[in-house]
Amino acid sequence: MPEPALILLHGIRGATLAQRDEDSFTRIWSLAQEFHPRSLLLALQSDEGGRVVPMMPEARIFAETLEDEIYGPFLNTFQSTESVLAPPFDWRLAPAQALESLAPTFAGSGSLNLVTHSMGLFVLLEALRQKLLDPSRLARLVLVTPPFCGSADIVSLLARGIDSSADGELGERRYDHCLARSFPSLYRLLPGVDCAGCSKNWLDASSWHALLAGDPATARSFFLQLSLAREDRLAWQEQFRDLCRRLRDDILLLAGTGVPTQVNPELASDVSREGDGRLLVCSTRPSDCPLPRVVLGSQTNPVKHGEILTDSRALELIARWLRHEPLPESNDELRHD
């Protein structure tokens, strides 16, 4: 029986950016772009008056190849032993449109192993929603820093559904709380929003109206794009739940550190050891997020969101997982750089 083909669905870091002056908040792009594909053309910069405003869409450049410093090591590692498909797609488009260029990749009837990086998970979920990919073909799935940096809150919300409880407003507010906790640097730029008290300062449409200085049309558009569209979110939740039911123990989640809240305290407390900067392997699975999870790095020696696929330890873990070998029980079982 032939081995499953390996598909890499890259995140938005598979595209490059036009260089901008550091004083125009270029560094905020990496935070703002994580929210949703519909906001990929929007980043934040400061105008001459000190207001935070959307960056012009010319900042986004389509990636013609993935053989770069982020995805190159992954391709070099697996192309020698696997049939690897890693087509670049245009992150200026919403997932539904990006899928048009991916149709040939999903063609066929053989089994597949999938690795999604960052928001590549959304592309996979959209492919399942559009029935472009038959879920029965999936053998194993690796989620590398899925949306919102692998936050256990976000993953559990995806899996359970924000609106599954009777208190829909609570679900929506908890979702906003997750955003604030995952991206404190972004929230510090917002007037009137106290990151430390983010649970009491929900970001709503009126906040964006004030933020964008009284232009209701622009503010509403920006707010809607920065928020997960309700219909997409509900559909993706269902696809994610279905994946969990189908694959069960065949999904692996890798999360990276880089900012203090990128891996939340609940997840960090589950790892077997921390502080030495080496690989941290989760020893338990919280009931609300029943996925085997691995945290790379520590707060003192971080492995950042875009660096996981360049880390030899992570690549070895992925290789073991795809070969159906057990995950290591200690750091000593993995080679180190």
Protein backbone atom coordinates (compact mmCIF):
# COMPACT_ATOMS: atom_id res chain seq x y z
CA MET A 1 0.00 0.00 0.00
CA PRO A 2 1.55 3.35 -1.01
CA GLU A 3 2.50 5.82 1.70
CA PRO A 4 0.19 8.85 2.03
CA ALA A 5 1.24 11.97 0.18
CA LEU A 6 2.26 14.89 2.40
CA ILE A 7 0.63 18.29 1.89
CA LEU A 8 1.83 21.51 3.54
CA LEU A 9 -0.73 24.31 3.76
CA HIS A 10 1.30 27.41 4.56
CA GLY A 11 0.22 30.35 6.65
CA ILE A 12 0.37 33.99 5.78
CA ARG A 13 4.08 33.96 6.51
CA GLY A 14 4.36 32.21 3.19
CA ALA A 15 3.87 35.63 1.62
CA THR A 16 6.32 38.48 1.86
CA LEU A 17 5.81 42.11 2.77
CA ALA A 18 7.01 45.33 1.25
CA GLN A 19 9.47 46.91 3.65
CA ARG A 20 8.20 49.92 5.57
CA ASP A 21 9.83 52.34 7.93
CA GLU A 22 10.01 51.01 11.48
CA ASP A 23 8.31 54.14 12.75
CA SER A 24 5.12 53.14 10.90
CA PHE A 25 4.44 50.16 13.17
CA THR A 26 5.61 47.56 10.67
CA ARG A 27 6.12 45.20 13.60
CA ILE A 28 2.39 45.26 14.29
CA TRP A 29 1.67 43.58 10.96
CA SER A 30 2.61 40.18 12.33
CA LEU A 31 -0.02 40.64 15.04
CA ALA A 32 -2.82 42.20 13.03
CA GLN A 33 -2.64 39.72 10.19
CA GLU A 34 -3.26 36.75 12.46
CA PHE A 35 -6.92 37.51 13.06
CA HIS A 36 -8.67 36.42 9.90
CA PRO A 37 -7.98 36.01 6.18
CA ARG A 38 -10.39 38.84 5.42
CA SER A 39 -8.09 41.23 7.26
CA LEU A 40 -4.88 40.18 5.58
CA LEU A 41 -4.72 43.40 3.58
CA LEU A 42 -5.03 45.41 6.76
CA ALA A 43 -2.29 46.11 9.23
CA LEU A 44 -1.87 48.95 11.65
CA GLN A 45 0.33 51.97 11.33
CA SER A 46 0.49 55.43 12.90
CA ASP A 47 -0.31 58.51 10.86
CA GLU A 48 1.25 61.93 11.43
CA GLY A 49 -1.30 62.72 14.10
CA GLY A 50 -0.47 59.61 16.08
CA ARG A 51 -3.73 57.80 15.27
CA VAL A 52 -3.67 54.08 14.57
CA VAL A 53 -5.02 53.52 11.06
CA PRO A 54 -5.12 50.65 8.53
CA MET A 55 -2.03 50.17 6.43
CA MET A 56 -2.46 50.34 2.66
CA PRO A 57 -2.93 46.99 0.88
CA GLU A 58 0.21 47.45 -1.18
CA ALA A 59 2.11 46.04 1.79
CA ARG A 60 1.11 42.52 0.79
CA ILE A 61 3.13 40.67 -1.85
CA PHE A 62 2.20 37.28 -3.28
CA ALA A 63 4.70 34.51 -2.56
CA GLU A 64 5.77 32.59 -5.65
CA THR A 65 7.75 29.97 -3.74
CA LEU A 66 7.93 28.50 -0.25
CA GLU A 67 11.63 27.74 -0.42
CA ASP A 68 12.48 30.43 2.10
CA GLU A 69 13.84 30.62 5.62
CA ILE A 70 10.49 29.61 7.17
CA TYR A 71 9.42 26.67 5.02
CA GLY A 72 12.71 25.71 3.35
CA PRO A 73 13.96 23.47 6.21
CA PHE A 74 10.65 21.59 6.27
CA LEU A 75 10.75 20.99 2.52
CA ASN A 76 14.40 19.95 2.62
CA THR A 77 13.71 17.51 5.44
CA PHE A 78 10.72 15.75 3.93
CA GLN A 79 11.19 15.97 0.18
CA SER A 80 13.96 13.37 0.30
CA THR A 81 11.69 10.71 1.79
CA GLU A 82 8.13 11.86 1.12
CA SER A 83 5.94 12.93 -1.76
CA VAL A 84 5.53 16.54 -0.61
CA LEU A 85 3.04 18.97 -2.12
CA ALA A 86 3.53 22.55 -0.93
CA PRO A 87 1.83 24.87 -3.42
CA PRO A 88 1.94 28.58 -2.59
CA PHE A 89 -1.39 30.34 -2.73
CA ASP A 90 -2.39 33.95 -2.63
CA TRP A 91 -3.13 35.12 0.91
CA ARG A 92 -4.55 38.35 -0.49
CA LEU A 93 -7.64 36.24 -1.14
CA ALA A 94 -10.11 34.76 1.30
CA PRO A 95 -9.74 30.98 1.76
CA ALA A 96 -12.66 30.22 -0.56
CA GLN A 97 -10.87 32.03 -3.40
CA ALA A 98 -7.43 30.72 -2.52
CA LEU A 99 -8.77 27.19 -2.83
CA GLU A 100 -9.25 27.60 -6.57
CA SER A 101 -5.50 27.33 -7.06
CA LEU A 102 -5.30 24.39 -4.65
CA ALA A 103 -7.87 22.18 -6.40
CA PRO A 104 -5.20 20.15 -8.28
CA THR A 105 -3.37 19.52 -5.00
CA PHE A 106 -6.43 17.87 -3.46
CA ALA A 107 -7.30 15.90 -6.60
CA GLY A 108 -7.16 12.12 -6.45
CA SER A 109 -8.34 9.43 -4.10
CA GLY A 110 -5.26 8.36 -2.14
CA SER A 111 -4.72 8.97 1.57
CA LEU A 112 -3.05 12.18 2.70
CA ASN A 113 -0.99 13.48 5.60
CA LEU A 114 -1.51 17.20 6.16
CA VAL A 115 0.63 19.78 7.93
CA THR A 116 -1.01 23.18 8.38
CA HIS A 117 0.97 26.20 9.55
CA SER A 118 -0.79 29.08 11.24
CA MET A 119 -3.86 30.14 9.30
CA GLY A 120 -3.37 27.34 6.82
CA LEU A 121 -5.80 25.53 9.14
CA PHE A 122 -8.57 27.85 7.94
CA VAL A 123 -7.79 26.87 4.35
CA LEU A 124 -8.09 23.20 5.26
CA LEU A 125 -11.41 23.77 7.03
CA GLU A 126 -12.73 25.72 4.05
CA ALA A 127 -11.64 22.91 1.70
CA LEU A 128 -13.64 20.46 3.80
CA ARG A 129 -16.62 22.78 3.89
CA GLN A 130 -16.62 23.10 0.10
CA LYS A 131 -16.15 19.33 -0.25
CA LEU A 132 -13.00 19.95 -2.24
CA LEU A 133 -11.32 17.42 0.05
CA ASP A 134 -12.88 14.19 1.27
CA PRO A 135 -12.10 13.96 5.02
CA SER A 136 -11.92 10.17 4.78
CA ARG A 137 -8.64 10.62 2.87
CA LEU A 138 -6.89 12.20 5.85
CA ALA A 139 -4.52 9.84 7.63
CA ARG A 140 -2.71 12.19 10.03
CA LEU A 141 -2.88 15.91 10.69
CA VAL A 142 -0.27 18.21 12.25
CA LEU A 143 -1.40 21.69 13.33
CA VAL A 144 1.67 23.91 13.66
CA THR A 145 0.81 27.05 15.65
CA PRO A 146 -2.80 27.16 14.46
CA PRO A 147 -4.69 30.48 14.49
CA PHE A 148 -4.23 32.53 17.64
CA CYS A 149 -0.89 30.89 18.39
CA GLY A 150 -2.34 27.59 19.52
CA SER A 151 -4.17 29.16 22.43
CA ALA A 152 -5.96 26.35 24.24
CA ASP A 153 -8.92 28.70 24.68
CA ILE A 154 -9.22 29.31 20.95
CA VAL A 155 -8.78 25.65 20.04
CA SER A 156 -11.38 24.59 22.57
CA LEU A 157 -13.75 27.29 21.30
CA LEU A 158 -13.25 26.02 17.77
CA ALA A 159 -13.87 22.46 18.87
CA ARG A 160 -16.87 23.11 21.12
CA GLY A 161 -18.40 26.07 19.34
CA ILE A 162 -18.71 29.58 20.74
CA ASP A 163 -22.49 29.54 20.43
CA SER A 164 -23.01 26.06 21.88
CA SER A 165 -23.94 27.46 25.29
CA ALA A 166 -27.24 29.11 26.13
CA ASP A 167 -25.41 32.34 26.86
CA GLY A 168 -24.32 33.40 23.38
CA GLU A 169 -23.11 36.80 24.58
CA LEU A 170 -20.80 35.15 27.08
CA GLY A 171 -19.37 33.04 24.30
CA GLU A 172 -18.71 36.07 22.13
CA ARG A 173 -17.14 37.99 25.01
CA ARG A 174 -14.94 35.07 25.96
CA TYR A 175 -13.81 35.00 22.35
CA ASP A 176 -12.85 38.69 22.52
CA HIS A 177 -11.06 38.03 25.79
CA CYS A 178 -8.99 35.37 24.02
CA LEU A 179 -7.99 37.89 21.37
CA ALA A 180 -6.92 40.43 23.96
CA ARG A 181 -4.97 37.86 25.93
CA SER A 182 -3.27 36.44 22.84
CA PHE A 183 -2.35 39.81 21.35
CA PRO A 184 -1.68 42.27 24.19
CA SER A 185 0.69 44.38 22.10
CA LEU A 186 -2.06 45.10 19.60
CA TYR A 187 -4.55 45.99 22.30
CA ARG A 188 -2.13 48.41 23.95
CA LEU A 189 -2.36 50.54 20.82
CA LEU A 190 -6.12 50.93 21.17
CA PRO A 191 -7.29 54.06 23.01
CA GLY A 192 -9.28 53.33 26.13
CA VAL A 193 -8.48 49.62 26.21
CA ASP A 194 -6.64 48.37 29.27
CA CYS A 195 -4.92 45.11 28.37
CA ALA A 196 -4.46 44.15 32.01
CA GLY A 197 -8.21 44.47 32.46
CA CYS A 198 -9.17 43.17 29.06
CA SER A 199 -11.86 40.95 30.54
CA LYS A 200 -13.75 44.16 31.41
CA ASN A 201 -13.02 46.12 28.25
CA TRP A 202 -14.57 44.33 25.31
CA LEU A 203 -13.68 45.64 21.90
CA ASP A 204 -16.87 46.46 20.00
CA ALA A 205 -17.87 48.33 16.87
CA SER A 206 -18.11 51.66 18.70
CA SER A 207 -14.48 51.31 19.78
CA TRP A 208 -13.44 51.03 16.16
CA HIS A 209 -15.52 54.08 15.24
CA ALA A 210 -13.60 56.08 17.82
CA LEU A 211 -10.33 54.49 16.79
CA LEU A 212 -10.72 55.50 13.16
CA ALA A 213 -11.77 59.06 13.96
CA GLY A 214 -15.39 59.14 12.98
CA ASP A 215 -15.40 57.40 9.61
CA PRO A 216 -18.27 54.93 10.21
CA ALA A 217 -17.94 53.10 6.88
CA THR A 218 -14.22 52.49 7.33
CA ALA A 219 -14.60 51.62 10.99
CA ARG A 220 -17.38 49.12 10.35
CA SER A 221 -15.46 47.49 7.50
CA PHE A 222 -12.30 47.25 9.59
CA PHE A 223 -14.15 45.84 12.56
CA LEU A 224 -15.93 43.21 10.48
CA GLN A 225 -12.72 42.16 8.80
CA LEU A 226 -10.77 41.99 12.03
CA SER A 227 -13.46 39.83 13.60
CA LEU A 228 -14.09 36.29 12.51
CA ALA A 229 -17.16 36.38 10.29
CA ARG A 230 -19.90 34.61 12.20
CA GLU A 231 -20.98 32.36 9.34
CA ASP A 232 -17.40 31.30 8.61
CA ARG A 233 -16.64 30.73 12.27
CA LEU A 234 -19.67 28.49 12.82
CA ALA A 235 -18.97 26.48 9.67
CA TRP A 236 -15.28 26.07 10.54
CA GLN A 237 -16.16 25.02 14.07
CA GLU A 238 -18.29 22.22 12.71
CA GLN A 239 -15.55 21.12 10.33
CA PHE A 240 -13.02 21.17 13.17
CA ARG A 241 -15.30 19.11 15.42
CA ASP A 242 -15.79 16.63 12.60
CA LEU A 243 -12.01 16.39 12.14
CA CYS A 244 -11.57 15.64 15.84
CA ARG A 245 -14.24 12.95 15.69
CA ARG A 246 -12.79 11.34 12.57
CA LEU A 247 -9.09 11.49 13.35
CA ARG A 248 -9.28 11.22 17.14
CA ASP A 249 -5.68 10.42 18.15
CA ASP A 250 -4.25 11.28 14.74
CA ILE A 251 -4.08 15.06 15.27
CA LEU A 252 -0.97 16.68 16.74
CA LEU A 253 -0.83 20.33 17.83
CA LEU A 254 2.53 22.14 18.04
CA ALA A 255 2.60 25.54 19.74
CA GLY A 256 5.45 28.01 20.04
CA THR A 257 6.43 30.60 22.60
CA GLY A 258 7.51 34.12 21.80
CA VAL A 259 5.36 36.49 23.81
CA PRO A 260 4.24 35.77 27.39
CA THR A 261 0.64 34.95 26.45
CA GLN A 262 1.32 33.07 23.25
CA VAL A 263 1.00 29.80 25.11
CA ASN A 264 -1.54 30.33 27.85
CA PRO A 265 -0.91 29.32 31.48
CA GLU A 266 -3.22 26.31 31.34
CA LEU A 267 -1.23 24.80 28.49
CA ALA A 268 2.14 25.72 30.01
CA SER A 269 1.22 24.01 33.28
CA ASP A 270 0.60 20.76 31.44
CA VAL A 271 4.08 20.35 30.02
CA SER A 272 6.49 17.89 31.55
CA ARG A 273 9.24 20.44 32.28
CA GLU A 274 10.12 23.99 31.36
CA GLY A 275 12.78 26.65 31.72
CA ASP A 276 15.67 24.97 29.96
CA GLY A 277 14.73 26.19 26.49
CA ARG A 278 14.58 22.67 25.12
CA LEU A 279 11.58 20.82 23.79
CA LEU A 280 8.63 20.64 26.15
CA VAL A 281 6.29 17.69 25.69
CA CYS A 282 2.78 17.86 27.10
CA SER A 283 2.08 14.99 29.47
CA THR A 284 -1.70 15.42 29.78
CA ARG A 285 -4.64 16.41 27.63
CA PRO A 286 -7.08 18.93 29.14
CA SER A 287 -10.65 17.72 28.79
CA ASP A 288 -11.72 20.78 26.80
CA CYS A 289 -8.96 20.34 24.21
CA PRO A 290 -8.36 16.61 23.71
CA LEU A 291 -5.39 16.90 21.38
CA PRO A 292 -1.81 15.79 22.02
CA ARG A 293 0.14 19.02 22.21
CA VAL A 294 3.79 19.93 22.21
CA VAL A 295 5.23 23.29 23.29
CA LEU A 296 8.55 24.30 21.80
CA GLY A 297 10.86 26.52 23.81
CA SER A 298 10.28 28.39 27.03
CA GLN A 299 9.64 31.95 28.12
CA THR A 300 13.37 32.45 28.69
CA ASN A 301 14.45 30.80 25.45
CA PRO A 302 11.50 31.11 23.06
CA VAL A 303 10.75 29.36 19.81
CA LYS A 304 8.62 31.86 17.93
CA HIS A 305 5.56 31.31 15.78
CA GLY A 306 7.44 31.45 12.49
CA GLU A 307 10.41 29.40 13.68
CA ILE A 308 8.84 26.06 14.55
CA LEU A 309 9.19 24.57 11.08
CA THR A 310 12.88 25.49 11.12
CA ASP A 311 13.56 23.70 14.43
CA SER A 312 15.18 20.27 13.99
CA ARG A 313 13.41 18.96 17.08
CA ALA A 314 10.01 19.95 15.71
CA LEU A 315 10.82 18.42 12.33
CA GLU A 316 11.82 15.18 14.03
CA LEU A 317 8.59 15.19 16.02
CA ILE A 318 6.54 15.67 12.86
CA ALA A 319 8.44 12.89 11.12
CA ARG A 320 7.81 10.52 14.03
CA TRP A 321 4.15 11.44 14.11
CA LEU A 322 3.67 10.85 10.38
CA ARG A 323 5.40 7.46 10.71
CA HIS A 324 2.94 6.54 13.50
CA GLU A 325 5.75 6.34 16.02
CA PRO A 326 5.02 7.29 19.65
CA LEU A 327 5.80 10.79 20.83
CA PRO A 328 8.88 11.03 23.08
CA GLU A 329 8.35 11.01 26.81
CA SER A 330 11.32 13.26 27.54
CA ASN A 331 13.50 15.87 25.90
CA ASP A 332 16.44 13.48 25.93
CA GLU A 333 14.82 11.33 23.25
CA LEU A 334 15.21 14.08 20.66
CA ARG A 335 18.35 15.36 19.05
CA HIS A 336 19.24 19.00 19.72
CA ASP A 337 20.73 21.69 17.54
